[in-house]
Amino acid sequence: MPNPNDSSPLSEAIAKRAYELYLQRGSLAGHELDDWLQAEAEVSRAASDDDAPHTTPQPVVRRRSARGESHSPPSNRRL
């Protein structure tokens, strides 16, 4: 459950999400812990996804054709 003295951005994000879950539930009391734990899991998962290394796309390397090599596909014409 929240620490009333903790005003860190992470704690605030969890509290905001827990409140959203409370509203989605129809503002029914008695599920505060469930809402908090679900919010904590969602915010933690999102934070860990943000910390994951992002892969940068690699450039496509194309082989230059040898001299005399045709750039067009081979034809199916019979000789």
C-alpha atoms as a PDB file:
ATOM      1  CA  MET A   1       0.000   0.000   0.000  1.00  0.00           C
ATOM      2  CA  PRO A   2       1.110   3.562  -0.511  1.00  0.00           C
ATOM      3  CA  ASN A   3       3.394   5.327   1.856  1.00  0.00           C
ATOM      4  CA  PRO A   4       1.769   8.710   2.644  1.00  0.00           C
ATOM      5  CA  ASN A   5       5.213  10.344   2.792  1.00  0.00           C
ATOM      6  CA  ASP A   6       6.290   9.031  -0.635  1.00  0.00           C
ATOM      7  CA  SER A   7       5.696  11.539  -3.422  1.00  0.00           C
ATOM      8  CA  SER A   8       8.018   9.971  -5.994  1.00  0.00           C
ATOM      9  CA  PRO A   9       6.891   9.955  -9.631  1.00  0.00           C
ATOM     10  CA  LEU A  10       6.603   6.158  -9.503  1.00  0.00           C
ATOM     11  CA  SER A  11       4.365   6.245  -6.436  1.00  0.00           C
ATOM     12  CA  GLU A  12       2.237   8.974  -8.003  1.00  0.00           C
ATOM     13  CA  ALA A  13       1.865   6.950 -11.210  1.00  0.00           C
ATOM     14  CA  ILE A  14       0.772   3.907  -9.215  1.00  0.00           C
ATOM     15  CA  ALA A  15      -1.728   5.970  -7.207  1.00  0.00           C
ATOM     16  CA  LYS A  16      -3.159   7.493 -10.389  1.00  0.00           C
ATOM     17  CA  ARG A  17      -3.548   4.084 -12.021  1.00  0.00           C
ATOM     18  CA  ALA A  18      -5.090   2.599  -8.852  1.00  0.00           C
ATOM     19  CA  TYR A  19      -7.640   5.427  -8.858  1.00  0.00           C
ATOM     20  CA  GLU A  20      -8.441   4.735 -12.529  1.00  0.00           C
ATOM     21  CA  LEU A  21      -9.023   1.071 -11.666  1.00  0.00           C
ATOM     22  CA  TYR A  22     -11.279   2.132  -8.772  1.00  0.00           C
ATOM     23  CA  LEU A  23     -13.341   4.253 -11.156  1.00  0.00           C
ATOM     24  CA  GLN A  24     -13.514   1.442 -13.723  1.00  0.00           C
ATOM     25  CA  ARG A  25     -14.832  -0.852 -10.996  1.00  0.00           C
ATOM     26  CA  GLY A  26     -17.703   1.566 -10.455  1.00  0.00           C
ATOM     27  CA  SER A  27     -16.189   3.323  -7.427  1.00  0.00           C
ATOM     28  CA  LEU A  28     -16.924   0.324  -5.223  1.00  0.00           C
ATOM     29  CA  ALA A  29     -15.109   0.386  -1.891  1.00  0.00           C
ATOM     30  CA  GLY A  30     -13.349  -2.671  -0.491  1.00  0.00           C
ATOM     31  CA  HIS A  31     -10.937  -3.348  -3.364  1.00  0.00           C
ATOM     32  CA  GLU A  32      -8.284  -0.756  -2.585  1.00  0.00           C
ATOM     33  CA  LEU A  33      -5.517  -3.296  -2.075  1.00  0.00           C
ATOM     34  CA  ASP A  34      -6.415  -5.181  -5.262  1.00  0.00           C
ATOM     35  CA  ASP A  35      -6.448  -1.931  -7.241  1.00  0.00           C
ATOM     36  CA  TRP A  36      -3.135  -0.822  -5.751  1.00  0.00           C
ATOM     37  CA  LEU A  37      -1.399  -4.147  -6.428  1.00  0.00           C
ATOM     38  CA  GLN A  38      -2.688  -4.292 -10.000  1.00  0.00           C
ATOM     39  CA  ALA A  39      -1.617  -0.701 -10.612  1.00  0.00           C
ATOM     40  CA  GLU A  40       1.793  -1.394  -9.107  1.00  0.00           C
ATOM     41  CA  ALA A  41       2.272  -4.410 -11.389  1.00  0.00           C
ATOM     42  CA  GLU A  42       1.177  -2.480 -14.503  1.00  0.00           C
ATOM     43  CA  VAL A  43       3.369   0.546 -13.767  1.00  0.00           C
ATOM     44  CA  SER A  44       6.366  -1.649 -12.903  1.00  0.00           C
ATOM     45  CA  ARG A  45       5.931  -3.654 -16.103  1.00  0.00           C
ATOM     46  CA  ALA A  46       5.693  -0.471 -18.174  1.00  0.00           C
ATOM     47  CA  ALA A  47       8.813   0.925 -16.502  1.00  0.00           C
ATOM     48  CA  SER A  48      10.781  -2.252 -17.165  1.00  0.00           C
ATOM     49  CA  ASP A  49       9.653  -2.210 -20.817  1.00  0.00           C
ATOM     50  CA  ASP A  50      10.952   1.353 -21.102  1.00  0.00           C
ATOM     51  CA  ASP A  51      14.317   0.279 -19.651  1.00  0.00           C
ATOM     52  CA  ALA A  52      14.710  -2.594 -22.121  1.00  0.00           C
ATOM     53  CA  PRO A  53      17.372  -1.975 -24.738  1.00  0.00           C
ATOM     54  CA  HIS A  54      15.910  -0.897 -28.016  1.00  0.00           C
ATOM     55  CA  THR A  55      17.303  -2.425 -31.152  1.00  0.00           C
ATOM     56  CA  THR A  56      18.113  -0.105 -33.979  1.00  0.00           C
ATOM     57  CA  PRO A  57      17.307  -1.325 -37.453  1.00  0.00           C
ATOM     58  CA  GLN A  58      20.332  -2.508 -39.372  1.00  0.00           C
ATOM     59  CA  PRO A  59      20.900  -1.090 -42.853  1.00  0.00           C
ATOM     60  CA  VAL A  60      20.256  -3.358 -45.793  1.00  0.00           C
ATOM     61  CA  VAL A  61      23.500  -4.259 -47.521  1.00  0.00           C
ATOM     62  CA  ARG A  62      23.097  -5.071 -51.177  1.00  0.00           C
ATOM     63  CA  ARG A  63      25.720  -6.835 -53.185  1.00  0.00           C
ATOM     64  CA  ARG A  64      26.864  -5.039 -56.287  1.00  0.00           C
ATOM     65  CA  SER A  65      26.397  -7.075 -59.398  1.00  0.00           C
ATOM     66  CA  ALA A  66      29.450  -8.254 -61.248  1.00  0.00           C
ATOM     67  CA  ARG A  67      30.131  -6.733 -64.639  1.00  0.00           C
ATOM     68  CA  GLY A  68      28.014  -8.313 -67.289  1.00  0.00           C
ATOM     69  CA  GLU A  69      25.497  -9.643 -64.791  1.00  0.00           C
ATOM     70  CA  SER A  70      21.967  -8.770 -65.738  1.00  0.00           C
ATOM     71  CA  HIS A  71      19.788  -6.836 -63.335  1.00  0.00           C
ATOM     72  CA  SER A  72      16.592  -8.228 -64.793  1.00  0.00           C
ATOM     73  CA  PRO A  73      15.179 -11.598 -63.794  1.00  0.00           C
ATOM     74  CA  PRO A  74      15.889 -14.473 -66.186  1.00  0.00           C
ATOM     75  CA  SER A  75      13.292 -14.897 -68.882  1.00  0.00           C
ATOM     76  CA  ASN A  76      11.363 -18.079 -69.450  1.00  0.00           C
ATOM     77  CA  ARG A  77      11.618 -17.837 -73.250  1.00  0.00           C
ATOM     78  CA  ARG A  78      12.671 -20.935 -75.070  1.00  0.00           C
ATOM     79  CA  LEU A  79      15.331 -20.627 -77.667  1.00  0.00           C
END
